[in-house]
Amino acid sequence: MKSLLFAFCCCWPLAVFADSFAPGLLVTEFPRLSAQVDSQHVFVPHEQFGEPIGERYVVESASPWNHKTERNAIARGFLRIDADGDYAFTTNSFYDRNMLMIDGKVLCGFVDGGDRVESIFLRKGLVEFVSVGYVLGRGSSEVTVQWRPPYERELGPIPSEKLVHETDGLLARSMVIVAKDFVIDAYINGERIPRDRRRLLLDRYGASVERINVSVSPGDWLVFQVAHNQLRHGGSKYFAVAGCLDHGRFGFESSLASKQWTVCDDPAQAREFIVQRNSSVEIEKPATAIDRPWEEGMKFMRQYGGANFSGTPLWGHEPSTWIKFRAPKKEAKFTPPELNISF
């Protein structure tokens, strides 16, 4: 595996690399197991965590990364090594209930000491990176991984640009949304997206830009409940979304030209619209153009999503509406720009 990745990263065109990898670590959460009955019985080999729970999401950094306190979790990806040499690592969390694997080797074990530092010889290229967190964090399930490359004297955070993960056919690993006035709730596959997956990037006189950190796969469906005040700013409004694999690289965009975008304006029918991928024609209507779109909407979509965003804003027929996107069952075809990563 190590030699294959080395050859891949050093010899293959970067355009191929951009197709297969995206920045950050992919986090998968797992339910607390029956064997994890109390704080004295937390450890279970991560290979025995069982079936995942909830949506996978991406974290930009390993210093730290977080997961739900009542769930086990694995942050997985690859670490970019720029030069052969000895690399030192340490990892810590609440009561040191975590584990770190580098290049297939358990480097820092479960509860082996929060200050423990271990070294490993690594060759230039991509090496497997796996950080495991466990339940019962007492409100702070935070895992912090640090390293000391051979060209540094002190331990410190791993630069975020050195961590990547396989896209695994994803259409998006997060979404950027510009809304005027705001998104009330968002759903994926019929379930409300938790608040801790939503991050407000900009509050612009009541209009908003936010990032939702959930991954979107072929066949998923998304619903956004949005609202605006007709008395504000001449009645202008806006809703647009970009499904981001990384900045400026999109798996999908809001588009009036696509039949995958539909709306529901009736609160009495909204529940069916949310929980079903395909609702009845009486409930599900085509999305419509906005008569008076907010003049700053496109500017902020391109600022926070990427300068090449070419989607269109859309809405329903009422000031408050529900907007659905049905991701194609097969991965969307697009040509990403070359990823700016050098080795």
C-alpha atoms as a PDB file:
ATOM      1  CA  MET A   1       0.000   0.000   0.000  1.00  0.00           C
ATOM      2  CA  LYS A   2       2.765   2.420   0.972  1.00  0.00           C
ATOM      3  CA  SER A   3       4.780   1.876  -2.205  1.00  0.00           C
ATOM      4  CA  LEU A   4       1.656   2.127  -4.363  1.00  0.00           C
ATOM      5  CA  LEU A   5       0.707   5.457  -2.827  1.00  0.00           C
ATOM      6  CA  PHE A   6       4.255   6.724  -3.201  1.00  0.00           C
ATOM      7  CA  ALA A   7       4.271   5.897  -6.897  1.00  0.00           C
ATOM      8  CA  PHE A   8       0.805   7.343  -7.341  1.00  0.00           C
ATOM      9  CA  CYS A   9       1.604  10.691  -5.723  1.00  0.00           C
ATOM     10  CA  CYS A  10       5.024  11.208  -7.228  1.00  0.00           C
ATOM     11  CA  CYS A  11       4.502   9.923 -10.755  1.00  0.00           C
ATOM     12  CA  TRP A  12       0.842  10.323 -11.729  1.00  0.00           C
ATOM     13  CA  PRO A  13      -0.573  13.573 -13.123  1.00  0.00           C
ATOM     14  CA  LEU A  14      -1.998  15.962 -10.522  1.00  0.00           C
ATOM     15  CA  ALA A  15      -5.313  16.050 -12.390  1.00  0.00           C
ATOM     16  CA  VAL A  16      -5.769  12.369 -11.538  1.00  0.00           C
ATOM     17  CA  PHE A  17      -4.877  13.152  -7.920  1.00  0.00           C
ATOM     18  CA  ALA A  18      -7.511  15.918  -7.865  1.00  0.00           C
ATOM     19  CA  ASP A  19     -10.167  13.487  -9.068  1.00  0.00           C
ATOM     20  CA  SER A  20      -9.449  10.985  -6.287  1.00  0.00           C
ATOM     21  CA  PHE A  21      -8.640  13.052  -3.201  1.00  0.00           C
ATOM     22  CA  ALA A  22      -9.911  16.110  -1.356  1.00  0.00           C
ATOM     23  CA  PRO A  23      -8.495  18.080   1.597  1.00  0.00           C
ATOM     24  CA  GLY A  24      -9.200  17.055   5.198  1.00  0.00           C
ATOM     25  CA  LEU A  25      -9.965  13.854   7.106  1.00  0.00           C
ATOM     26  CA  LEU A  26     -13.221  11.950   6.689  1.00  0.00           C
ATOM     27  CA  VAL A  27     -14.902  11.226  10.054  1.00  0.00           C
ATOM     28  CA  THR A  28     -17.230   8.268  10.570  1.00  0.00           C
ATOM     29  CA  GLU A  29     -19.133   7.930  13.867  1.00  0.00           C
ATOM     30  CA  PHE A  30     -20.353   4.712  15.488  1.00  0.00           C
ATOM     31  CA  PRO A  31     -22.864   4.065  18.298  1.00  0.00           C
ATOM     32  CA  ARG A  32     -21.732   3.298  21.817  1.00  0.00           C
ATOM     33  CA  LEU A  33     -21.401  -0.476  22.167  1.00  0.00           C
ATOM     34  CA  SER A  34     -22.989  -2.610  24.880  1.00  0.00           C
ATOM     35  CA  ALA A  35     -19.494  -3.563  26.086  1.00  0.00           C
ATOM     36  CA  GLN A  36     -18.763   0.103  26.815  1.00  0.00           C
ATOM     37  CA  VAL A  37     -20.812   0.079  29.999  1.00  0.00           C
ATOM     38  CA  ASP A  38     -18.837   2.617  32.038  1.00  0.00           C
ATOM     39  CA  SER A  39     -15.619   4.623  32.134  1.00  0.00           C
ATOM     40  CA  GLN A  40     -13.636   1.505  33.090  1.00  0.00           C
ATOM     41  CA  HIS A  41     -14.786  -0.438  30.021  1.00  0.00           C
ATOM     42  CA  VAL A  42     -14.362   1.892  27.074  1.00  0.00           C
ATOM     43  CA  PHE A  43     -11.796   0.200  24.877  1.00  0.00           C
ATOM     44  CA  VAL A  44     -13.003  -1.880  21.934  1.00  0.00           C
ATOM     45  CA  PRO A  45     -10.810  -2.514  18.869  1.00  0.00           C
ATOM     46  CA  HIS A  46     -11.930  -0.009  16.267  1.00  0.00           C
ATOM     47  CA  GLU A  47     -12.404  -2.827  13.761  1.00  0.00           C
ATOM     48  CA  GLN A  48     -15.315  -3.970  15.985  1.00  0.00           C
ATOM     49  CA  PHE A  49     -17.179  -0.652  16.102  1.00  0.00           C
ATOM     50  CA  GLY A  50     -19.903  -2.125  13.870  1.00  0.00           C
ATOM     51  CA  GLU A  51     -22.237  -0.175  11.606  1.00  0.00           C
ATOM     52  CA  PRO A  52     -21.753   3.604  11.250  1.00  0.00           C
ATOM     53  CA  ILE A  53     -24.372   6.034  12.520  1.00  0.00           C
ATOM     54  CA  GLY A  54     -25.268   9.425  11.063  1.00  0.00           C
ATOM     55  CA  GLU A  55     -23.629  11.187   8.148  1.00  0.00           C
ATOM     56  CA  ARG A  56     -19.902  11.160   7.549  1.00  0.00           C
ATOM     57  CA  TYR A  57     -18.263  14.575   7.634  1.00  0.00           C
ATOM     58  CA  VAL A  58     -14.902  16.158   6.943  1.00  0.00           C
ATOM     59  CA  VAL A  59     -12.627  17.932   9.431  1.00  0.00           C
ATOM     60  CA  GLU A  60      -9.912  20.243   8.146  1.00  0.00           C
ATOM     61  CA  SER A  61      -7.500  19.686  11.036  1.00  0.00           C
ATOM     62  CA  ALA A  62      -6.333  16.935  13.384  1.00  0.00           C
ATOM     63  CA  SER A  63      -5.310  19.506  15.987  1.00  0.00           C
ATOM     64  CA  PRO A  64      -7.984  19.086  17.211  1.00  0.00           C
ATOM     65  CA  TRP A  65     -10.900  17.195  15.676  1.00  0.00           C
ATOM     66  CA  ASN A  66     -14.202  16.566  17.480  1.00  0.00           C
ATOM     67  CA  HIS A  67     -16.938  13.941  17.604  1.00  0.00           C
ATOM     68  CA  LYS A  68     -20.100  13.361  19.622  1.00  0.00           C
ATOM     69  CA  THR A  69     -19.345  12.362  23.224  1.00  0.00           C
ATOM     70  CA  GLU A  70     -21.693   9.356  23.167  1.00  0.00           C
ATOM     71  CA  ARG A  71     -20.215   7.949  19.956  1.00  0.00           C
ATOM     72  CA  ASN A  72     -16.998   6.282  18.891  1.00  0.00           C
ATOM     73  CA  ALA A  73     -15.412   7.865  15.843  1.00  0.00           C
ATOM     74  CA  ILE A  74     -12.655   7.380  13.284  1.00  0.00           C
ATOM     75  CA  ALA A  75     -10.970  10.243  11.393  1.00  0.00           C
ATOM     76  CA  ARG A  76      -9.334   8.652   8.373  1.00  0.00           C
ATOM     77  CA  GLY A  77      -7.286   9.845   5.428  1.00  0.00           C
ATOM     78  CA  PHE A  78      -3.717  10.287   4.262  1.00  0.00           C
ATOM     79  CA  LEU A  79      -0.803  12.400   5.465  1.00  0.00           C
ATOM     80  CA  ARG A  80       1.438  14.012   2.876  1.00  0.00           C
ATOM     81  CA  ILE A  81       5.121  13.467   3.602  1.00  0.00           C
ATOM     82  CA  ASP A  82       7.476  15.844   1.782  1.00  0.00           C
ATOM     83  CA  ALA A  83      10.805  14.222   2.669  1.00  0.00           C
ATOM     84  CA  ASP A  84      12.103  10.870   3.936  1.00  0.00           C
ATOM     85  CA  GLY A  85      12.909  10.891   7.639  1.00  0.00           C
ATOM     86  CA  ASP A  86      11.904  10.209  11.220  1.00  0.00           C
ATOM     87  CA  TYR A  87       8.574  11.763  12.188  1.00  0.00           C
ATOM     88  CA  ALA A  88       7.413  12.010  15.812  1.00  0.00           C
ATOM     89  CA  PHE A  89       3.725  11.990  16.836  1.00  0.00           C
ATOM     90  CA  THR A  90       1.681  12.431  19.984  1.00  0.00           C
ATOM     91  CA  THR A  91      -2.084  12.312  20.544  1.00  0.00           C
ATOM     92  CA  ASN A  92      -4.290  13.227  23.483  1.00  0.00           C
ATOM     93  CA  SER A  93      -7.940  13.487  24.491  1.00  0.00           C
ATOM     94  CA  PHE A  94     -10.047  13.251  27.662  1.00  0.00           C
ATOM     95  CA  TYR A  95      -8.293  10.594  29.800  1.00  0.00           C
ATOM     96  CA  ASP A  96      -6.261   9.802  26.662  1.00  0.00           C
ATOM     97  CA  ARG A  97      -9.059   7.621  25.266  1.00  0.00           C
ATOM     98  CA  ASN A  98      -7.821   7.612  21.699  1.00  0.00           C
ATOM     99  CA  MET A  99      -5.506   5.797  19.322  1.00  0.00           C
ATOM    100  CA  LEU A 100      -3.320   6.842  16.402  1.00  0.00           C
ATOM    101  CA  MET A 101      -2.231   4.710  13.443  1.00  0.00           C
ATOM    102  CA  ILE A 102       0.345   5.976  10.940  1.00  0.00           C
ATOM    103  CA  ASP A 103       1.210   4.031   7.798  1.00  0.00           C
ATOM    104  CA  GLY A 104      -0.664   0.969   9.121  1.00  0.00           C
ATOM    105  CA  LYS A 105       1.170   0.920  12.489  1.00  0.00           C
ATOM    106  CA  VAL A 106      -0.381   1.681  15.898  1.00  0.00           C
ATOM    107  CA  LEU A 107       1.916   4.471  16.987  1.00  0.00           C
ATOM    108  CA  CYS A 108       0.046   5.798  20.033  1.00  0.00           C
ATOM    109  CA  GLY A 109      -2.213   3.290  21.761  1.00  0.00           C
ATOM    110  CA  PHE A 110      -5.344   3.623  23.864  1.00  0.00           C
ATOM    111  CA  VAL A 111      -4.590   5.280  27.260  1.00  0.00           C
ATOM    112  CA  ASP A 112      -0.820   4.946  26.851  1.00  0.00           C
ATOM    113  CA  GLY A 113      -0.135   8.424  28.237  1.00  0.00           C
ATOM    114  CA  GLY A 114      -1.210  11.802  26.911  1.00  0.00           C
ATOM    115  CA  ASP A 115       2.394  13.009  26.771  1.00  0.00           C
ATOM    116  CA  ARG A 116       3.747   9.921  25.040  1.00  0.00           C
ATOM    117  CA  VAL A 117       5.734  10.699  21.879  1.00  0.00           C
ATOM    118  CA  GLU A 118       6.527   7.986  19.325  1.00  0.00           C
ATOM    119  CA  SER A 119       8.615   8.180  16.157  1.00  0.00           C
ATOM    120  CA  ILE A 120       8.379   6.375  12.840  1.00  0.00           C
ATOM    121  CA  PHE A 121      10.450   6.495   9.658  1.00  0.00           C
ATOM    122  CA  LEU A 122       8.319   7.635   6.724  1.00  0.00           C
ATOM    123  CA  ARG A 123       9.111   7.992   3.056  1.00  0.00           C
ATOM    124  CA  LYS A 124       8.034  10.801   0.766  1.00  0.00           C
ATOM    125  CA  GLY A 125       4.477  10.410  -0.525  1.00  0.00           C
ATOM    126  CA  LEU A 126       1.090   9.729   1.074  1.00  0.00           C
ATOM    127  CA  VAL A 127       0.870   7.539   4.172  1.00  0.00           C
ATOM    128  CA  GLU A 128      -2.299   6.246   5.799  1.00  0.00           C
ATOM    129  CA  PHE A 129      -3.520   8.328   8.763  1.00  0.00           C
ATOM    130  CA  VAL A 130      -6.131   6.975  11.217  1.00  0.00           C
ATOM    131  CA  SER A 131      -7.141   8.718  14.469  1.00  0.00           C
ATOM    132  CA  VAL A 132      -9.686   6.962  16.705  1.00  0.00           C
ATOM    133  CA  GLY A 133     -11.789   8.614  19.424  1.00  0.00           C
ATOM    134  CA  TYR A 134     -13.905   6.867  22.036  1.00  0.00           C
ATOM    135  CA  VAL A 135     -17.131   7.497  23.953  1.00  0.00           C
ATOM    136  CA  LEU A 136     -17.494   9.074  27.413  1.00  0.00           C
ATOM    137  CA  GLY A 137     -15.653  12.300  26.811  1.00  0.00           C
ATOM    138  CA  ARG A 138     -17.685  14.164  29.466  1.00  0.00           C
ATOM    139  CA  GLY A 139     -18.732  16.891  27.095  1.00  0.00           C
ATOM    140  CA  SER A 140     -15.346  17.237  25.394  1.00  0.00           C
ATOM    141  CA  SER A 141     -14.756  14.504  22.838  1.00  0.00           C
ATOM    142  CA  GLU A 142     -11.799  16.293  21.334  1.00  0.00           C
ATOM    143  CA  VAL A 143      -8.776  14.485  19.938  1.00  0.00           C
ATOM    144  CA  THR A 144      -5.570  16.449  19.351  1.00  0.00           C
ATOM    145  CA  VAL A 145      -2.785  15.015  17.180  1.00  0.00           C
ATOM    146  CA  GLN A 146       0.582  16.760  16.908  1.00  0.00           C
ATOM    147  CA  TRP A 147       3.751  15.919  15.052  1.00  0.00           C
ATOM    148  CA  ARG A 148       7.429  16.824  14.756  1.00  0.00           C
ATOM    149  CA  PRO A 149       8.835  16.381  11.232  1.00  0.00           C
ATOM    150  CA  PRO A 150      12.611  15.953  10.871  1.00  0.00           C
ATOM    151  CA  TYR A 151      13.042  19.593   9.866  1.00  0.00           C
ATOM    152  CA  GLU A 152      11.376  20.928  13.060  1.00  0.00           C
ATOM    153  CA  ARG A 153      12.567  21.020  16.684  1.00  0.00           C
ATOM    154  CA  GLU A 154       9.232  21.183  18.503  1.00  0.00           C
ATOM    155  CA  LEU A 155       5.930  19.319  18.358  1.00  0.00           C
ATOM    156  CA  GLY A 156       3.132  21.234  16.724  1.00  0.00           C
ATOM    157  CA  PRO A 157      -0.136  20.908  14.759  1.00  0.00           C
ATOM    158  CA  ILE A 158      -0.085  19.081  11.447  1.00  0.00           C
ATOM    159  CA  PRO A 159      -0.698  21.707   8.718  1.00  0.00           C
ATOM    160  CA  SER A 160      -4.177  21.179   7.321  1.00  0.00           C
ATOM    161  CA  GLU A 161      -2.917  21.189   3.725  1.00  0.00           C
ATOM    162  CA  LYS A 162      -0.993  17.970   4.427  1.00  0.00           C
ATOM    163  CA  LEU A 163      -4.146  15.960   5.210  1.00  0.00           C
ATOM    164  CA  VAL A 164      -6.329  14.522   2.419  1.00  0.00           C
ATOM    165  CA  HIS A 165      -8.967  11.816   2.045  1.00  0.00           C
ATOM    166  CA  GLU A 166     -10.400   9.779  -0.803  1.00  0.00           C
ATOM    167  CA  THR A 167     -13.598  11.294  -2.172  1.00  0.00           C
ATOM    168  CA  ASP A 168     -15.186   7.836  -2.546  1.00  0.00           C
ATOM    169  CA  GLY A 169     -17.629   8.995  -5.232  1.00  0.00           C
ATOM    170  CA  LEU A 170     -18.944  11.905  -3.136  1.00  0.00           C
ATOM    171  CA  LEU A 171     -20.791  14.756  -4.806  1.00  0.00           C
ATOM    172  CA  ALA A 172     -19.890  17.070  -1.916  1.00  0.00           C
ATOM    173  CA  ARG A 173     -18.170  16.979   1.436  1.00  0.00           C
ATOM    174  CA  SER A 174     -19.781  20.256   2.538  1.00  0.00           C
ATOM    175  CA  MET A 175     -22.190  22.873   1.204  1.00  0.00           C
ATOM    176  CA  VAL A 176     -21.985  26.651   0.996  1.00  0.00           C
ATOM    177  CA  ILE A 177     -25.350  28.421   1.069  1.00  0.00           C
ATOM    178  CA  VAL A 178     -26.215  32.060   0.539  1.00  0.00           C
ATOM    179  CA  ALA A 179     -29.741  32.932   1.694  1.00  0.00           C
ATOM    180  CA  LYS A 180     -31.740  36.090   2.068  1.00  0.00           C
ATOM    181  CA  ASP A 181     -33.006  36.125   4.583  1.00  0.00           C
ATOM    182  CA  PHE A 182     -32.014  32.759   6.093  1.00  0.00           C
ATOM    183  CA  VAL A 183     -32.219  28.969   6.215  1.00  0.00           C
ATOM    184  CA  ILE A 184     -34.446  27.795   9.063  1.00  0.00           C
ATOM    185  CA  ASP A 185     -33.635  24.082   8.860  1.00  0.00           C
ATOM    186  CA  ALA A 186     -31.835  21.720   6.520  1.00  0.00           C
ATOM    187  CA  TYR A 187     -32.404  17.977   6.019  1.00  0.00           C
ATOM    188  CA  ILE A 188     -30.579  15.095   4.370  1.00  0.00           C
ATOM    189  CA  ASN A 189     -32.451  11.912   3.441  1.00  0.00           C
ATOM    190  CA  GLY A 190     -35.404  12.975   5.589  1.00  0.00           C
ATOM    191  CA  GLU A 191     -33.445  13.748   8.775  1.00  0.00           C
ATOM    192  CA  ARG A 192     -32.719  17.205  10.171  1.00  0.00           C
ATOM    193  CA  ILE A 193     -29.048  18.153   9.937  1.00  0.00           C
ATOM    194  CA  PRO A 194     -27.752  18.843  13.478  1.00  0.00           C
ATOM    195  CA  ARG A 195     -26.911  22.386  14.432  1.00  0.00           C
ATOM    196  CA  ASP A 196     -23.267  21.505  15.099  1.00  0.00           C
ATOM    197  CA  ARG A 197     -22.881  20.671  11.404  1.00  0.00           C
ATOM    198  CA  ARG A 198     -23.904  24.215  10.438  1.00  0.00           C
ATOM    199  CA  ARG A 199     -21.506  27.158  10.636  1.00  0.00           C
ATOM    200  CA  LEU A 200     -22.464  30.783  10.020  1.00  0.00           C
ATOM    201  CA  LEU A 201     -19.845  32.406   7.791  1.00  0.00           C
ATOM    202  CA  LEU A 202     -21.456  35.828   7.306  1.00  0.00           C
ATOM    203  CA  ASP A 203     -24.414  37.824   8.659  1.00  0.00           C
ATOM    204  CA  ARG A 204     -25.014  40.614   6.157  1.00  0.00           C
ATOM    205  CA  TYR A 205     -27.816  42.878   7.395  1.00  0.00           C
ATOM    206  CA  GLY A 206     -29.991  39.834   8.008  1.00  0.00           C
ATOM    207  CA  ALA A 207     -28.892  37.890   4.941  1.00  0.00           C
ATOM    208  CA  SER A 208     -26.615  34.951   5.683  1.00  0.00           C
ATOM    209  CA  VAL A 209     -23.845  32.753   4.320  1.00  0.00           C
ATOM    210  CA  GLU A 210     -23.330  29.379   5.975  1.00  0.00           C
ATOM    211  CA  ARG A 211     -21.397  26.170   5.508  1.00  0.00           C
ATOM    212  CA  ILE A 212     -23.048  22.823   6.259  1.00  0.00           C
ATOM    213  CA  ASN A 213     -20.510  20.098   6.972  1.00  0.00           C
ATOM    214  CA  VAL A 214     -22.192  16.945   5.680  1.00  0.00           C
ATOM    215  CA  SER A 215     -21.159  14.744   2.791  1.00  0.00           C
ATOM    216  CA  VAL A 216     -23.554  14.219  -0.117  1.00  0.00           C
ATOM    217  CA  SER A 217     -23.465  10.979  -2.109  1.00  0.00           C
ATOM    218  CA  PRO A 218     -25.240   9.944  -5.312  1.00  0.00           C
ATOM    219  CA  GLY A 219     -28.880   9.151  -4.505  1.00  0.00           C
ATOM    220  CA  ASP A 220     -29.133  11.421  -1.435  1.00  0.00           C
ATOM    221  CA  TRP A 221     -31.754  14.144  -1.229  1.00  0.00           C
ATOM    222  CA  LEU A 222     -31.563  17.487   0.560  1.00  0.00           C
ATOM    223  CA  VAL A 223     -34.310  19.820   1.751  1.00  0.00           C
ATOM    224  CA  PHE A 224     -33.836  23.428   2.894  1.00  0.00           C
ATOM    225  CA  GLN A 225     -36.556  25.403   4.701  1.00  0.00           C
ATOM    226  CA  VAL A 226     -35.969  29.059   3.836  1.00  0.00           C
ATOM    227  CA  ALA A 227     -37.769  32.315   4.601  1.00  0.00           C
ATOM    228  CA  HIS A 228     -37.595  36.025   3.846  1.00  0.00           C
ATOM    229  CA  ASN A 229     -39.370  39.189   4.968  1.00  0.00           C
ATOM    230  CA  GLN A 230     -41.171  40.827   2.041  1.00  0.00           C
ATOM    231  CA  LEU A 231     -40.973  44.239   3.733  1.00  0.00           C
ATOM    232  CA  ARG A 232     -37.182  44.340   3.885  1.00  0.00           C
ATOM    233  CA  HIS A 233     -34.914  45.713   1.147  1.00  0.00           C
ATOM    234  CA  GLY A 234     -37.655  46.093  -1.417  1.00  0.00           C
ATOM    235  CA  GLY A 235     -38.692  42.442  -1.109  1.00  0.00           C
ATOM    236  CA  SER A 236     -35.437  41.077  -2.544  1.00  0.00           C
ATOM    237  CA  LYS A 237     -34.532  37.486  -1.657  1.00  0.00           C
ATOM    238  CA  TYR A 238     -31.960  34.848  -2.525  1.00  0.00           C
ATOM    239  CA  PHE A 239     -31.169  31.169  -2.168  1.00  0.00           C
ATOM    240  CA  ALA A 240     -28.255  29.387  -3.822  1.00  0.00           C
ATOM    241  CA  VAL A 241     -26.120  26.427  -2.791  1.00  0.00           C
ATOM    242  CA  ALA A 242     -22.861  24.852  -3.935  1.00  0.00           C
ATOM    243  CA  GLY A 243     -21.956  21.258  -3.075  1.00  0.00           C
ATOM    244  CA  CYS A 244     -18.214  21.582  -2.433  1.00  0.00           C
ATOM    245  CA  LEU A 245     -15.518  18.944  -2.720  1.00  0.00           C
ATOM    246  CA  ASP A 246     -13.037  21.705  -1.929  1.00  0.00           C
ATOM    247  CA  HIS A 247     -12.931  25.447  -2.546  1.00  0.00           C
ATOM    248  CA  GLY A 248     -14.022  26.140  -6.121  1.00  0.00           C
ATOM    249  CA  ARG A 249     -14.644  22.475  -6.980  1.00  0.00           C
ATOM    250  CA  PHE A 250     -18.328  21.534  -7.054  1.00  0.00           C
ATOM    251  CA  GLY A 251     -20.213  18.267  -7.339  1.00  0.00           C
ATOM    252  CA  PHE A 252     -23.528  20.120  -7.763  1.00  0.00           C
ATOM    253  CA  GLU A 253     -24.921  23.663  -7.852  1.00  0.00           C
ATOM    254  CA  SER A 254     -28.421  25.106  -7.493  1.00  0.00           C
ATOM    255  CA  SER A 255     -29.841  25.351 -10.997  1.00  0.00           C
ATOM    256  CA  LEU A 256     -33.180  26.247 -12.539  1.00  0.00           C
ATOM    257  CA  ALA A 257     -32.173  24.247 -15.600  1.00  0.00           C
ATOM    258  CA  SER A 258     -32.136  21.008 -13.579  1.00  0.00           C
ATOM    259  CA  LYS A 259     -35.296  19.031 -12.774  1.00  0.00           C
ATOM    260  CA  GLN A 260     -33.543  17.822  -9.609  1.00  0.00           C
ATOM    261  CA  TRP A 261     -34.546  21.081  -7.848  1.00  0.00           C
ATOM    262  CA  THR A 262     -38.166  21.269  -6.648  1.00  0.00           C
ATOM    263  CA  VAL A 263     -40.166  23.192  -4.024  1.00  0.00           C
ATOM    264  CA  CYS A 264     -43.088  22.821  -1.640  1.00  0.00           C
ATOM    265  CA  ASP A 265     -44.942  25.881  -0.331  1.00  0.00           C
ATOM    266  CA  ASP A 266     -47.602  24.229   1.841  1.00  0.00           C
ATOM    267  CA  PRO A 267     -46.631  23.673   5.525  1.00  0.00           C
ATOM    268  CA  ALA A 268     -49.258  20.905   5.776  1.00  0.00           C
ATOM    269  CA  GLN A 269     -47.468  18.931   3.062  1.00  0.00           C
ATOM    270  CA  ALA A 270     -43.899  19.792   4.013  1.00  0.00           C
ATOM    271  CA  ARG A 271     -43.343  16.660   6.120  1.00  0.00           C
ATOM    272  CA  GLU A 272     -43.982  14.329   3.181  1.00  0.00           C
ATOM    273  CA  PHE A 273     -41.834  16.551   0.960  1.00  0.00           C
ATOM    274  CA  ILE A 274     -38.947  16.229   3.438  1.00  0.00           C
ATOM    275  CA  VAL A 275     -39.029  12.505   4.195  1.00  0.00           C
ATOM    276  CA  GLN A 276     -39.647  11.200   0.666  1.00  0.00           C
ATOM    277  CA  ARG A 277     -37.148  11.489  -2.151  1.00  0.00           C
ATOM    278  CA  ASN A 278     -40.015  11.668  -4.654  1.00  0.00           C
ATOM    279  CA  SER A 279     -43.251  13.254  -3.449  1.00  0.00           C
ATOM    280  CA  SER A 280     -46.535  13.402  -5.331  1.00  0.00           C
ATOM    281  CA  VAL A 281     -46.887  15.934  -8.139  1.00  0.00           C
ATOM    282  CA  GLU A 282     -49.498  17.768  -6.048  1.00  0.00           C
ATOM    283  CA  ILE A 283     -46.827  18.458  -3.413  1.00  0.00           C
ATOM    284  CA  GLU A 284     -43.638  18.797  -5.434  1.00  0.00           C
ATOM    285  CA  LYS A 285     -43.427  21.738  -7.835  1.00  0.00           C
ATOM    286  CA  PRO A 286     -40.585  22.947 -10.074  1.00  0.00           C
ATOM    287  CA  ALA A 287     -38.334  25.577  -8.498  1.00  0.00           C
ATOM    288  CA  THR A 288     -38.844  29.100  -9.835  1.00  0.00           C
ATOM    289  CA  ALA A 289     -36.656  32.069 -10.681  1.00  0.00           C
ATOM    290  CA  ILE A 290     -36.494  34.948  -8.191  1.00  0.00           C
ATOM    291  CA  ASP A 291     -38.123  38.129  -9.482  1.00  0.00           C
ATOM    292  CA  ARG A 292     -35.843  40.388  -7.487  1.00  0.00           C
ATOM    293  CA  PRO A 293     -32.689  38.512  -6.448  1.00  0.00           C
ATOM    294  CA  TRP A 294     -30.476  40.039  -3.771  1.00  0.00           C
ATOM    295  CA  GLU A 295     -27.781  41.971  -5.616  1.00  0.00           C
ATOM    296  CA  GLU A 296     -24.942  40.715  -3.385  1.00  0.00           C
ATOM    297  CA  GLY A 297     -25.919  37.057  -3.498  1.00  0.00           C
ATOM    298  CA  MET A 298     -23.697  35.945  -6.372  1.00  0.00           C
ATOM    299  CA  LYS A 299     -20.745  37.916  -5.016  1.00  0.00           C
ATOM    300  CA  PHE A 300     -20.837  36.025  -1.732  1.00  0.00           C
ATOM    301  CA  MET A 301     -21.455  32.654  -3.401  1.00  0.00           C
ATOM    302  CA  ARG A 302     -18.233  33.112  -5.348  1.00  0.00           C
ATOM    303  CA  GLN A 303     -16.340  34.531  -2.378  1.00  0.00           C
ATOM    304  CA  TYR A 304     -17.156  31.664  -0.013  1.00  0.00           C
ATOM    305  CA  GLY A 305     -17.758  28.818  -2.460  1.00  0.00           C
ATOM    306  CA  GLY A 306     -15.394  29.576  -5.319  1.00  0.00           C
ATOM    307  CA  ALA A 307     -14.972  32.095  -8.116  1.00  0.00           C
ATOM    308  CA  ASN A 308     -16.166  29.622 -10.757  1.00  0.00           C
ATOM    309  CA  PHE A 309     -19.619  29.109  -9.213  1.00  0.00           C
ATOM    310  CA  SER A 310     -22.067  29.251 -12.133  1.00  0.00           C
ATOM    311  CA  GLY A 311     -25.305  28.087 -10.514  1.00  0.00           C
ATOM    312  CA  THR A 312     -28.519  30.073 -10.285  1.00  0.00           C
ATOM    313  CA  PRO A 313     -30.583  31.286  -7.320  1.00  0.00           C
ATOM    314  CA  LEU A 314     -34.074  29.826  -6.980  1.00  0.00           C
ATOM    315  CA  TRP A 315     -37.156  29.875  -4.730  1.00  0.00           C
ATOM    316  CA  GLY A 316     -40.727  28.678  -4.390  1.00  0.00           C
ATOM    317  CA  HIS A 317     -43.964  30.668  -4.654  1.00  0.00           C
ATOM    318  CA  GLU A 318     -44.277  31.905  -1.058  1.00  0.00           C
ATOM    319  CA  PRO A 319     -42.105  33.967   1.315  1.00  0.00           C
ATOM    320  CA  SER A 320     -41.404  30.774   3.284  1.00  0.00           C
ATOM    321  CA  THR A 321     -40.796  27.617   1.276  1.00  0.00           C
ATOM    322  CA  TRP A 322     -39.065  24.221   1.258  1.00  0.00           C
ATOM    323  CA  ILE A 323     -36.487  23.577  -1.479  1.00  0.00           C
ATOM    324  CA  LYS A 324     -35.363  20.056  -2.424  1.00  0.00           C
ATOM    325  CA  PHE A 325     -32.366  18.753  -4.350  1.00  0.00           C
ATOM    326  CA  ARG A 326     -32.374  15.115  -5.476  1.00  0.00           C
ATOM    327  CA  ALA A 327     -28.791  14.066  -6.129  1.00  0.00           C
ATOM    328  CA  PRO A 328     -28.468  11.902  -9.247  1.00  0.00           C
ATOM    329  CA  LYS A 329     -28.201   8.209  -8.511  1.00  0.00           C
ATOM    330  CA  LYS A 330     -24.925   8.110 -10.450  1.00  0.00           C
ATOM    331  CA  GLU A 331     -22.003  10.399  -9.766  1.00  0.00           C
ATOM    332  CA  ALA A 332     -22.272  13.714 -11.590  1.00  0.00           C
ATOM    333  CA  LYS A 333     -19.812  14.290 -14.413  1.00  0.00           C
ATOM    334  CA  PHE A 334     -17.652  17.359 -14.105  1.00  0.00           C
ATOM    335  CA  THR A 335     -14.094  18.412 -14.863  1.00  0.00           C
ATOM    336  CA  PRO A 336     -12.357  19.763 -11.743  1.00  0.00           C
ATOM    337  CA  PRO A 337      -9.465  22.193 -11.918  1.00  0.00           C
ATOM    338  CA  GLU A 338      -6.014  20.847 -11.171  1.00  0.00           C
ATOM    339  CA  LEU A 339      -5.478  20.586  -7.409  1.00  0.00           C
ATOM    340  CA  ASN A 340      -2.638  22.807  -6.265  1.00  0.00           C
ATOM    341  CA  ILE A 341      -0.587  20.192  -4.383  1.00  0.00           C
ATOM    342  CA  SER A 342       3.073  19.581  -5.069  1.00  0.00           C
ATOM    343  CA  PHE A 343       5.436  16.879  -3.935  1.00  0.00           C
END
